[in-house]
Amino acid sequence: MLLGAVLCLITAFIQSVSYIFSRIYIAKNGSAFGLAVYSQLWIGIFSAFLLPFLHKRFSLGHDFYSDWTLFGIIFTILLGQVAFFKCSREIEASRLSSLTGLKLVILVGMCFFFQDTTFSALKLAAVCLCTIAAVGMNFSGTRISLKGGIWMFIMLVCFCECDILIKEMISSVEGENILTRSLGAVGVVYTSCAVVTLPLLAFTHRSTRLMMDALPCGLCYFAAMIFLFVGFSLVDVVFANIIVSSRGIISVLIGALVSHWGMRKVEPAVGAGVWKRRLVMSVLMVTAMALYSFSH
């Protein structure tokens, strides 16, 4: 459990960095759709390099359930990515990173209603604390547009369903060990996503410069997924998401640095009071992690 928590914490840090890179790309090039396509292609390229080393140690299975699980993961990843980059145009990186903590409420609801998962009072208290922290960070800044809110809801639902399906895939595939199964799942899922994404190049402005501009975001996201998939194999999806919500704290710190460096298009300047309130909400997230850990 401790190793799983550490891996999810590393995921949170890398995701926070990827949010900054996505904001930089959009500020420079203005296309959320282009970033979604190019970054997904980079992730697919990196993932494809995993397959030659794992093809004899990993077996996904080709039954109806396995095929539909893979299809569901690909669909929710791609739609979630588009929604995420649409959000990036409407919401600054630190707030978007923190607001994804609202994903926990949706995730718990889906696990409860569709998977008959039960949660103790302590676990529910941890989820509530994390949600309050996310909402508190939102209210500590400027308002979110209706467009940004809709895209954020689509993103959260897609990512929740994706997490559940990934957990099921890792649990059902055959492999030598946890690492092999997790890396194999990353390789198959994101190589498949890249193949599906290729035709979308016809609807983007194609250039080598845009592809290279998306490299930092794609690389960070790929690295984050490796740590996250292994983390999913060690802890349940709700606990993993509570730990990953620590990116709210990390993003507050990174956002403060970026704003201090004068990158106003990436992270607009706000008053000291706003950053203090965001920090208080981040402490609530840490408390939520401790409560959920204690409930085990």
C-alpha atoms as a PDB file:
ATOM      1  CA  MET A   1       0.000   0.000   0.000  1.00  0.00           C
ATOM      2  CA  LEU A   2       2.828   2.422   0.854  1.00  0.00           C
ATOM      3  CA  LEU A   3       4.526   1.805  -2.491  1.00  0.00           C
ATOM      4  CA  GLY A   4       1.237   2.376  -4.305  1.00  0.00           C
ATOM      5  CA  ALA A   5       0.747   5.682  -2.474  1.00  0.00           C
ATOM      6  CA  VAL A   6       4.283   6.824  -3.344  1.00  0.00           C
ATOM      7  CA  LEU A   7       3.767   5.960  -7.022  1.00  0.00           C
ATOM      8  CA  CYS A   8       0.499   7.907  -7.083  1.00  0.00           C
ATOM      9  CA  LEU A   9       2.255  10.859  -5.443  1.00  0.00           C
ATOM     10  CA  ILE A  10       4.887  10.810  -8.199  1.00  0.00           C
ATOM     11  CA  THR A  11       2.033  10.696 -10.713  1.00  0.00           C
ATOM     12  CA  ALA A  12       0.557  13.826  -9.127  1.00  0.00           C
ATOM     13  CA  PHE A  13       3.817  15.735  -9.492  1.00  0.00           C
ATOM     14  CA  ILE A  14       4.336  14.753 -13.127  1.00  0.00           C
ATOM     15  CA  GLN A  15       0.726  15.569 -14.007  1.00  0.00           C
ATOM     16  CA  SER A  16       1.092  19.018 -12.451  1.00  0.00           C
ATOM     17  CA  VAL A  17       4.111  19.650 -14.656  1.00  0.00           C
ATOM     18  CA  SER A  18       2.226  18.375 -17.719  1.00  0.00           C
ATOM     19  CA  TYR A  19      -0.593  20.868 -16.997  1.00  0.00           C
ATOM     20  CA  ILE A  20       1.912  23.715 -17.171  1.00  0.00           C
ATOM     21  CA  PHE A  21       3.311  22.432 -20.477  1.00  0.00           C
ATOM     22  CA  SER A  22      -0.206  22.123 -21.907  1.00  0.00           C
ATOM     23  CA  ARG A  23      -0.973  25.700 -20.885  1.00  0.00           C
ATOM     24  CA  ILE A  24       2.273  26.886 -22.499  1.00  0.00           C
ATOM     25  CA  TYR A  25       1.411  25.080 -25.743  1.00  0.00           C
ATOM     26  CA  ILE A  26      -2.082  26.558 -25.890  1.00  0.00           C
ATOM     27  CA  ALA A  27      -0.834  30.059 -25.021  1.00  0.00           C
ATOM     28  CA  LYS A  28       1.688  29.770 -27.859  1.00  0.00           C
ATOM     29  CA  ASN A  29      -0.338  27.944 -30.511  1.00  0.00           C
ATOM     30  CA  GLY A  30      -3.969  28.382 -29.459  1.00  0.00           C
ATOM     31  CA  SER A  31      -5.217  24.904 -30.414  1.00  0.00           C
ATOM     32  CA  ALA A  32      -6.433  22.568 -27.677  1.00  0.00           C
ATOM     33  CA  PHE A  33      -7.459  20.004 -30.289  1.00  0.00           C
ATOM     34  CA  GLY A  34      -4.020  20.092 -31.902  1.00  0.00           C
ATOM     35  CA  LEU A  35      -2.365  19.534 -28.538  1.00  0.00           C
ATOM     36  CA  ALA A  36      -4.679  16.585 -27.833  1.00  0.00           C
ATOM     37  CA  VAL A  37      -3.744  14.968 -31.154  1.00  0.00           C
ATOM     38  CA  TYR A  38       0.003  15.618 -31.097  1.00  0.00           C
ATOM     39  CA  SER A  39       0.488  14.731 -27.437  1.00  0.00           C
ATOM     40  CA  GLN A  40      -1.483  11.501 -27.910  1.00  0.00           C
ATOM     41  CA  LEU A  41       0.776  10.578 -30.823  1.00  0.00           C
ATOM     42  CA  TRP A  42       3.861  11.152 -28.672  1.00  0.00           C
ATOM     43  CA  ILE A  43       2.405   8.996 -25.907  1.00  0.00           C
ATOM     44  CA  GLY A  44       1.699   6.292 -28.482  1.00  0.00           C
ATOM     45  CA  ILE A  45       5.249   6.434 -29.820  1.00  0.00           C
ATOM     46  CA  PHE A  46       6.725   6.034 -26.335  1.00  0.00           C
ATOM     47  CA  SER A  47       4.245   3.264 -25.520  1.00  0.00           C
ATOM     48  CA  ALA A  48       5.070   1.346 -28.695  1.00  0.00           C
ATOM     49  CA  PHE A  49       8.689   1.053 -27.543  1.00  0.00           C
ATOM     50  CA  LEU A  50       7.473  -0.937 -24.517  1.00  0.00           C
ATOM     51  CA  LEU A  51       5.790  -3.675 -26.539  1.00  0.00           C
ATOM     52  CA  PRO A  52       8.870  -5.442 -28.016  1.00  0.00           C
ATOM     53  CA  PHE A  53      10.204  -5.981 -24.488  1.00  0.00           C
ATOM     54  CA  LEU A  54       6.907  -7.278 -23.116  1.00  0.00           C
ATOM     55  CA  HIS A  55       5.168  -9.242 -25.878  1.00  0.00           C
ATOM     56  CA  LYS A  56       6.331 -12.625 -24.516  1.00  0.00           C
ATOM     57  CA  ARG A  57       5.721 -11.694 -20.876  1.00  0.00           C
ATOM     58  CA  PHE A  58       2.275 -10.154 -21.183  1.00  0.00           C
ATOM     59  CA  SER A  59      -1.066 -11.352 -22.578  1.00  0.00           C
ATOM     60  CA  LEU A  60      -4.128  -9.135 -22.805  1.00  0.00           C
ATOM     61  CA  GLY A  61      -6.570 -11.816 -23.921  1.00  0.00           C
ATOM     62  CA  HIS A  62      -8.913 -11.616 -26.900  1.00  0.00           C
ATOM     63  CA  ASP A  63     -12.302 -12.523 -25.459  1.00  0.00           C
ATOM     64  CA  PHE A  64     -15.345 -10.267 -25.804  1.00  0.00           C
ATOM     65  CA  TYR A  65     -14.928  -8.725 -22.340  1.00  0.00           C
ATOM     66  CA  SER A  66     -11.235  -7.880 -22.864  1.00  0.00           C
ATOM     67  CA  ASP A  67     -11.891  -6.315 -26.269  1.00  0.00           C
ATOM     68  CA  TRP A  68     -14.715  -4.130 -24.974  1.00  0.00           C
ATOM     69  CA  THR A  69     -12.693  -3.124 -21.919  1.00  0.00           C
ATOM     70  CA  LEU A  70      -9.879  -1.959 -24.208  1.00  0.00           C
ATOM     71  CA  PHE A  71     -12.363  -0.145 -26.461  1.00  0.00           C
ATOM     72  CA  GLY A  72     -13.911   1.593 -23.449  1.00  0.00           C
ATOM     73  CA  ILE A  73     -10.508   2.709 -22.173  1.00  0.00           C
ATOM     74  CA  ILE A  74      -9.496   4.096 -25.567  1.00  0.00           C
ATOM     75  CA  PHE A  75     -12.795   5.963 -26.003  1.00  0.00           C
ATOM     76  CA  THR A  76     -12.779   7.530 -22.528  1.00  0.00           C
ATOM     77  CA  ILE A  77      -9.090   8.468 -22.777  1.00  0.00           C
ATOM     78  CA  LEU A  78      -9.487  10.252 -26.110  1.00  0.00           C
ATOM     79  CA  LEU A  79     -12.695  12.068 -25.194  1.00  0.00           C
ATOM     80  CA  GLY A  80     -11.273  12.911 -21.770  1.00  0.00           C
ATOM     81  CA  GLN A  81      -8.096  14.292 -23.328  1.00  0.00           C
ATOM     82  CA  VAL A  82     -10.022  16.545 -25.700  1.00  0.00           C
ATOM     83  CA  ALA A  83     -12.163  17.755 -22.790  1.00  0.00           C
ATOM     84  CA  PHE A  84      -9.049  18.354 -20.681  1.00  0.00           C
ATOM     85  CA  PHE A  85      -7.380  20.513 -23.304  1.00  0.00           C
ATOM     86  CA  LYS A  86     -10.626  22.409 -23.865  1.00  0.00           C
ATOM     87  CA  CYS A  87     -10.624  23.084 -20.112  1.00  0.00           C
ATOM     88  CA  SER A  88      -7.029  24.278 -20.353  1.00  0.00           C
ATOM     89  CA  ARG A  89      -8.212  27.124 -22.579  1.00  0.00           C
ATOM     90  CA  GLU A  90     -10.778  28.252 -20.002  1.00  0.00           C
ATOM     91  CA  ILE A  91      -9.116  27.538 -16.641  1.00  0.00           C
ATOM     92  CA  GLU A  92      -5.573  28.315 -15.471  1.00  0.00           C
ATOM     93  CA  ALA A  93      -3.345  25.318 -14.764  1.00  0.00           C
ATOM     94  CA  SER A  94      -3.261  25.466 -10.954  1.00  0.00           C
ATOM     95  CA  ARG A  95      -7.052  25.686 -10.625  1.00  0.00           C
ATOM     96  CA  LEU A  96      -7.719  22.979 -13.225  1.00  0.00           C
ATOM     97  CA  SER A  97      -5.262  20.653 -11.517  1.00  0.00           C
ATOM     98  CA  SER A  98      -6.963  21.237  -8.166  1.00  0.00           C
ATOM     99  CA  LEU A  99     -10.538  21.054  -9.454  1.00  0.00           C
ATOM    100  CA  THR A 100      -9.961  17.548 -10.762  1.00  0.00           C
ATOM    101  CA  GLY A 101     -10.330  16.590  -7.092  1.00  0.00           C
ATOM    102  CA  LEU A 102     -14.085  16.749  -7.816  1.00  0.00           C
ATOM    103  CA  LYS A 103     -13.515  13.544  -9.760  1.00  0.00           C
ATOM    104  CA  LEU A 104     -13.634  11.696  -6.430  1.00  0.00           C
ATOM    105  CA  VAL A 105     -17.348  12.331  -5.912  1.00  0.00           C
ATOM    106  CA  ILE A 106     -18.182  10.990  -9.368  1.00  0.00           C
ATOM    107  CA  LEU A 107     -15.824   8.049  -8.938  1.00  0.00           C
ATOM    108  CA  VAL A 108     -17.297   7.037  -5.571  1.00  0.00           C
ATOM    109  CA  GLY A 109     -20.802   7.303  -7.015  1.00  0.00           C
ATOM    110  CA  MET A 110     -19.928   5.124  -9.998  1.00  0.00           C
ATOM    111  CA  CYS A 111     -18.226   2.510  -7.801  1.00  0.00           C
ATOM    112  CA  PHE A 112     -21.198   2.466  -5.417  1.00  0.00           C
ATOM    113  CA  PHE A 113     -24.015   2.296  -7.975  1.00  0.00           C
ATOM    114  CA  PHE A 114     -22.397   0.226 -10.733  1.00  0.00           C
ATOM    115  CA  GLN A 115     -19.922  -1.985  -8.865  1.00  0.00           C
ATOM    116  CA  ASP A 116     -21.665  -2.432  -5.498  1.00  0.00           C
ATOM    117  CA  THR A 117     -18.592  -1.109  -3.690  1.00  0.00           C
ATOM    118  CA  THR A 118     -19.160  -0.125  -0.067  1.00  0.00           C
ATOM    119  CA  PHE A 119     -17.307   2.667   1.724  1.00  0.00           C
ATOM    120  CA  SER A 120     -16.808   3.121   5.462  1.00  0.00           C
ATOM    121  CA  ALA A 121     -17.745   6.379   7.175  1.00  0.00           C
ATOM    122  CA  LEU A 122     -14.052   7.275   7.473  1.00  0.00           C
ATOM    123  CA  LYS A 123     -13.472   6.767   3.756  1.00  0.00           C
ATOM    124  CA  LEU A 124     -16.504   8.873   2.882  1.00  0.00           C
ATOM    125  CA  ALA A 125     -15.249  11.590   5.234  1.00  0.00           C
ATOM    126  CA  ALA A 126     -11.915  11.561   3.389  1.00  0.00           C
ATOM    127  CA  VAL A 127     -13.697  11.889   0.037  1.00  0.00           C
ATOM    128  CA  CYS A 128     -15.795  14.789   1.363  1.00  0.00           C
ATOM    129  CA  LEU A 129     -12.722  16.608   2.688  1.00  0.00           C
ATOM    130  CA  CYS A 130     -10.944  16.238  -0.633  1.00  0.00           C
ATOM    131  CA  THR A 131     -14.017  17.515  -2.484  1.00  0.00           C
ATOM    132  CA  ILE A 132     -14.394  20.513  -0.164  1.00  0.00           C
ATOM    133  CA  ALA A 133     -10.749  21.340  -0.782  1.00  0.00           C
ATOM    134  CA  ALA A 134     -11.250  21.232  -4.548  1.00  0.00           C
ATOM    135  CA  VAL A 135     -14.349  23.436  -4.414  1.00  0.00           C
ATOM    136  CA  GLY A 136     -12.623  25.771  -1.965  1.00  0.00           C
ATOM    137  CA  MET A 137      -9.780  26.313  -4.380  1.00  0.00           C
ATOM    138  CA  ASN A 138     -12.280  27.130  -7.104  1.00  0.00           C
ATOM    139  CA  PHE A 139     -14.082  29.741  -5.023  1.00  0.00           C
ATOM    140  CA  SER A 140     -10.803  31.317  -3.974  1.00  0.00           C
ATOM    141  CA  GLY A 141     -10.188  32.582  -7.507  1.00  0.00           C
ATOM    142  CA  THR A 142     -12.203  33.949 -10.414  1.00  0.00           C
ATOM    143  CA  ARG A 143     -15.382  32.297 -11.670  1.00  0.00           C
ATOM    144  CA  ILE A 144     -15.331  29.425 -14.155  1.00  0.00           C
ATOM    145  CA  SER A 145     -17.207  29.956 -17.412  1.00  0.00           C
ATOM    146  CA  LEU A 146     -20.162  27.719 -18.295  1.00  0.00           C
ATOM    147  CA  LYS A 147     -18.196  26.351 -21.240  1.00  0.00           C
ATOM    148  CA  GLY A 148     -15.251  25.491 -19.005  1.00  0.00           C
ATOM    149  CA  GLY A 149     -17.556  23.832 -16.461  1.00  0.00           C
ATOM    150  CA  ILE A 150     -19.231  21.625 -19.088  1.00  0.00           C
ATOM    151  CA  TRP A 151     -15.917  20.456 -20.513  1.00  0.00           C
ATOM    152  CA  MET A 152     -14.644  19.802 -17.001  1.00  0.00           C
ATOM    153  CA  PHE A 153     -17.662  17.598 -16.200  1.00  0.00           C
ATOM    154  CA  ILE A 154     -17.162  15.577 -19.399  1.00  0.00           C
ATOM    155  CA  MET A 155     -13.472  15.220 -18.571  1.00  0.00           C
ATOM    156  CA  LEU A 156     -14.145  13.989 -15.026  1.00  0.00           C
ATOM    157  CA  VAL A 157     -16.752  11.403 -16.060  1.00  0.00           C
ATOM    158  CA  CYS A 158     -14.459  10.049 -18.781  1.00  0.00           C
ATOM    159  CA  PHE A 159     -11.457   9.819 -16.468  1.00  0.00           C
ATOM    160  CA  CYS A 160     -13.514   8.090 -13.744  1.00  0.00           C
ATOM    161  CA  GLU A 161     -14.762   5.405 -16.106  1.00  0.00           C
ATOM    162  CA  CYS A 162     -11.276   5.067 -17.569  1.00  0.00           C
ATOM    163  CA  ASP A 163      -9.755   4.482 -14.115  1.00  0.00           C
ATOM    164  CA  ILE A 164     -12.297   1.769 -13.330  1.00  0.00           C
ATOM    165  CA  LEU A 165     -11.679  -0.002 -16.641  1.00  0.00           C
ATOM    166  CA  ILE A 166      -7.891   0.237 -16.300  1.00  0.00           C
ATOM    167  CA  LYS A 167      -8.080  -1.318 -12.831  1.00  0.00           C
ATOM    168  CA  GLU A 168     -10.176  -4.155 -14.269  1.00  0.00           C
ATOM    169  CA  MET A 169      -7.766  -4.652 -17.169  1.00  0.00           C
ATOM    170  CA  ILE A 170      -4.663  -4.833 -14.971  1.00  0.00           C
ATOM    171  CA  SER A 171      -6.427  -7.303 -12.669  1.00  0.00           C
ATOM    172  CA  SER A 172      -7.497  -9.581 -15.529  1.00  0.00           C
ATOM    173  CA  VAL A 173      -4.465  -9.668 -17.855  1.00  0.00           C
ATOM    174  CA  GLU A 174      -1.751 -12.293 -17.664  1.00  0.00           C
ATOM    175  CA  GLY A 175       1.830 -11.316 -16.868  1.00  0.00           C
ATOM    176  CA  GLU A 176       4.920 -12.313 -14.917  1.00  0.00           C
ATOM    177  CA  ASN A 177       4.404  -9.696 -12.204  1.00  0.00           C
ATOM    178  CA  ILE A 178       2.674  -6.429 -11.363  1.00  0.00           C
ATOM    179  CA  LEU A 179       5.209  -4.315 -13.252  1.00  0.00           C
ATOM    180  CA  THR A 180       4.937  -6.423 -16.404  1.00  0.00           C
ATOM    181  CA  ARG A 181       1.128  -6.330 -16.365  1.00  0.00           C
ATOM    182  CA  SER A 182       1.056  -2.576 -15.766  1.00  0.00           C
ATOM    183  CA  LEU A 183       3.637  -1.697 -18.426  1.00  0.00           C
ATOM    184  CA  GLY A 184       1.957  -4.070 -20.861  1.00  0.00           C
ATOM    185  CA  ALA A 185      -1.375  -2.354 -20.260  1.00  0.00           C
ATOM    186  CA  VAL A 186       0.219   1.072 -20.843  1.00  0.00           C
ATOM    187  CA  GLY A 187       1.820  -0.162 -24.064  1.00  0.00           C
ATOM    188  CA  VAL A 188      -1.339  -1.711 -25.496  1.00  0.00           C
ATOM    189  CA  VAL A 189      -3.724   1.052 -24.426  1.00  0.00           C
ATOM    190  CA  TYR A 190      -1.732   4.072 -25.575  1.00  0.00           C
ATOM    191  CA  THR A 191      -0.356   2.509 -28.755  1.00  0.00           C
ATOM    192  CA  SER A 192      -3.973   1.749 -29.676  1.00  0.00           C
ATOM    193  CA  CYS A 193      -4.984   5.322 -28.791  1.00  0.00           C
ATOM    194  CA  ALA A 194      -2.287   6.691 -31.087  1.00  0.00           C
ATOM    195  CA  VAL A 195      -3.455   4.500 -33.977  1.00  0.00           C
ATOM    196  CA  VAL A 196      -7.026   5.744 -33.511  1.00  0.00           C
ATOM    197  CA  THR A 197      -5.740   9.329 -33.266  1.00  0.00           C
ATOM    198  CA  LEU A 198      -3.744   9.231 -36.524  1.00  0.00           C
ATOM    199  CA  PRO A 199      -6.713  10.045 -38.831  1.00  0.00           C
ATOM    200  CA  LEU A 200      -7.380  13.172 -36.756  1.00  0.00           C
ATOM    201  CA  LEU A 201      -4.185  14.677 -38.164  1.00  0.00           C
ATOM    202  CA  ALA A 202      -6.262  15.511 -41.237  1.00  0.00           C
ATOM    203  CA  PHE A 203      -8.210  18.008 -39.121  1.00  0.00           C
ATOM    204  CA  THR A 204      -5.187  19.722 -37.553  1.00  0.00           C
ATOM    205  CA  HIS A 205      -2.587  22.135 -38.821  1.00  0.00           C
ATOM    206  CA  ARG A 206       0.277  19.733 -39.503  1.00  0.00           C
ATOM    207  CA  SER A 207       3.801  20.937 -38.844  1.00  0.00           C
ATOM    208  CA  THR A 208       6.990  19.619 -37.289  1.00  0.00           C
ATOM    209  CA  ARG A 209       7.130  22.617 -34.961  1.00  0.00           C
ATOM    210  CA  LEU A 210       3.697  21.904 -33.487  1.00  0.00           C
ATOM    211  CA  MET A 211       4.604  18.258 -33.028  1.00  0.00           C
ATOM    212  CA  MET A 212       7.791  19.212 -31.176  1.00  0.00           C
ATOM    213  CA  ASP A 213       5.950  21.801 -29.074  1.00  0.00           C
ATOM    214  CA  ALA A 214       3.677  18.994 -27.832  1.00  0.00           C
ATOM    215  CA  LEU A 215       6.615  16.747 -26.872  1.00  0.00           C
ATOM    216  CA  PRO A 216       7.027  17.955 -23.229  1.00  0.00           C
ATOM    217  CA  CYS A 217       3.321  17.471 -22.510  1.00  0.00           C
ATOM    218  CA  GLY A 218       3.261  14.041 -24.163  1.00  0.00           C
ATOM    219  CA  LEU A 219       6.393  12.872 -22.378  1.00  0.00           C
ATOM    220  CA  CYS A 220       5.117  13.985 -18.964  1.00  0.00           C
ATOM    221  CA  TYR A 221       1.752  12.357 -19.508  1.00  0.00           C
ATOM    222  CA  PHE A 222       3.364   9.079 -20.609  1.00  0.00           C
ATOM    223  CA  ALA A 223       5.596   9.012 -17.533  1.00  0.00           C
ATOM    224  CA  ALA A 224       2.638   9.807 -15.279  1.00  0.00           C
ATOM    225  CA  MET A 225       0.620   6.929 -16.745  1.00  0.00           C
ATOM    226  CA  ILE A 226       3.390   4.421 -16.057  1.00  0.00           C
ATOM    227  CA  PHE A 227       3.446   5.344 -12.374  1.00  0.00           C
ATOM    228  CA  LEU A 228      -0.358   5.509 -12.219  1.00  0.00           C
ATOM    229  CA  PHE A 229      -0.934   2.092 -13.807  1.00  0.00           C
ATOM    230  CA  VAL A 230       1.492   0.436 -11.398  1.00  0.00           C
ATOM    231  CA  GLY A 231      -0.152   2.350  -8.547  1.00  0.00           C
ATOM    232  CA  PHE A 232      -3.587   1.073  -9.620  1.00  0.00           C
ATOM    233  CA  SER A 233      -2.303  -2.486  -9.349  1.00  0.00           C
ATOM    234  CA  LEU A 234      -1.355  -1.896  -5.691  1.00  0.00           C
ATOM    235  CA  VAL A 235      -4.208   0.231  -4.280  1.00  0.00           C
ATOM    236  CA  ASP A 236      -7.910   0.759  -5.030  1.00  0.00           C
ATOM    237  CA  VAL A 237      -8.916   3.446  -7.515  1.00  0.00           C
ATOM    238  CA  VAL A 238     -10.501   5.770  -4.941  1.00  0.00           C
ATOM    239  CA  PHE A 239      -7.428   5.820  -2.701  1.00  0.00           C
ATOM    240  CA  ALA A 240      -5.192   6.267  -5.757  1.00  0.00           C
ATOM    241  CA  ASN A 241      -7.238   9.292  -6.806  1.00  0.00           C
ATOM    242  CA  ILE A 242      -7.112  10.810  -3.325  1.00  0.00           C
ATOM    243  CA  ILE A 243      -3.316  10.598  -3.416  1.00  0.00           C
ATOM    244  CA  VAL A 244      -3.165  11.931  -6.974  1.00  0.00           C
ATOM    245  CA  SER A 245      -5.307  14.870  -5.813  1.00  0.00           C
ATOM    246  CA  SER A 246      -2.176  16.102  -4.048  1.00  0.00           C
ATOM    247  CA  ARG A 247      -1.370  17.661  -7.406  1.00  0.00           C
ATOM    248  CA  GLY A 248      -3.549  20.476  -6.066  1.00  0.00           C
ATOM    249  CA  ILE A 249      -0.814  21.293  -3.563  1.00  0.00           C
ATOM    250  CA  ILE A 250       1.931  20.797  -6.116  1.00  0.00           C
ATOM    251  CA  SER A 251       0.156  22.914  -8.708  1.00  0.00           C
ATOM    252  CA  VAL A 252      -0.333  25.752  -6.232  1.00  0.00           C
ATOM    253  CA  LEU A 253       3.422  25.843  -5.655  1.00  0.00           C
ATOM    254  CA  ILE A 254       4.322  25.482  -9.337  1.00  0.00           C
ATOM    255  CA  GLY A 255       1.677  28.042 -10.300  1.00  0.00           C
ATOM    256  CA  ALA A 256       3.124  30.528  -7.823  1.00  0.00           C
ATOM    257  CA  LEU A 257       6.579  30.077  -9.336  1.00  0.00           C
ATOM    258  CA  VAL A 258       5.317  30.405 -12.911  1.00  0.00           C
ATOM    259  CA  SER A 259       3.353  33.541 -12.046  1.00  0.00           C
ATOM    260  CA  HIS A 260       6.367  34.963 -10.198  1.00  0.00           C
ATOM    261  CA  TRP A 261       8.492  34.417 -13.314  1.00  0.00           C
ATOM    262  CA  GLY A 262       6.091  36.618 -15.261  1.00  0.00           C
ATOM    263  CA  MET A 263       4.420  33.946 -17.427  1.00  0.00           C
ATOM    264  CA  ARG A 264       1.001  35.628 -17.174  1.00  0.00           C
ATOM    265  CA  LYS A 265      -0.546  33.747 -20.121  1.00  0.00           C
ATOM    266  CA  VAL A 266       0.232  30.454 -18.406  1.00  0.00           C
ATOM    267  CA  GLU A 267      -0.725  31.394 -14.844  1.00  0.00           C
ATOM    268  CA  PRO A 268      -2.456  34.772 -14.305  1.00  0.00           C
ATOM    269  CA  ALA A 269      -1.271  36.769 -11.318  1.00  0.00           C
ATOM    270  CA  VAL A 270      -3.513  36.724  -8.230  1.00  0.00           C
ATOM    271  CA  GLY A 271      -3.281  38.286  -4.801  1.00  0.00           C
ATOM    272  CA  ALA A 272      -1.434  36.793  -1.851  1.00  0.00           C
ATOM    273  CA  GLY A 273      -4.755  36.111  -0.123  1.00  0.00           C
ATOM    274  CA  VAL A 274      -5.869  33.821  -2.941  1.00  0.00           C
ATOM    275  CA  TRP A 275      -2.694  31.743  -2.741  1.00  0.00           C
ATOM    276  CA  LYS A 276      -3.054  31.483   1.041  1.00  0.00           C
ATOM    277  CA  ARG A 277      -6.622  30.216   0.721  1.00  0.00           C
ATOM    278  CA  ARG A 278      -5.554  27.724  -1.923  1.00  0.00           C
ATOM    279  CA  LEU A 279      -2.832  26.516   0.404  1.00  0.00           C
ATOM    280  CA  VAL A 280      -5.357  25.993   3.210  1.00  0.00           C
ATOM    281  CA  MET A 281      -7.510  23.920   0.862  1.00  0.00           C
ATOM    282  CA  SER A 282      -4.441  21.904  -0.063  1.00  0.00           C
ATOM    283  CA  VAL A 283      -3.909  21.070   3.607  1.00  0.00           C
ATOM    284  CA  LEU A 284      -7.445  19.652   3.663  1.00  0.00           C
ATOM    285  CA  MET A 285      -6.403  17.333   0.836  1.00  0.00           C
ATOM    286  CA  VAL A 286      -3.477  16.070   2.902  1.00  0.00           C
ATOM    287  CA  THR A 287      -5.885  15.429   5.780  1.00  0.00           C
ATOM    288  CA  ALA A 288      -8.141  13.471   3.421  1.00  0.00           C
ATOM    289  CA  MET A 289      -5.203  11.269   2.387  1.00  0.00           C
ATOM    290  CA  ALA A 290      -4.363  10.575   6.017  1.00  0.00           C
ATOM    291  CA  LEU A 291      -7.983   9.660   6.864  1.00  0.00           C
ATOM    292  CA  TYR A 292      -8.325   7.265   3.944  1.00  0.00           C
ATOM    293  CA  SER A 293      -4.989   5.647   4.758  1.00  0.00           C
ATOM    294  CA  PHE A 294      -6.024   5.228   8.398  1.00  0.00           C
ATOM    295  CA  SER A 295      -9.302   3.584   7.334  1.00  0.00           C
ATOM    296  CA  HIS A 296      -7.298   0.674   5.929  1.00  0.00           C
END
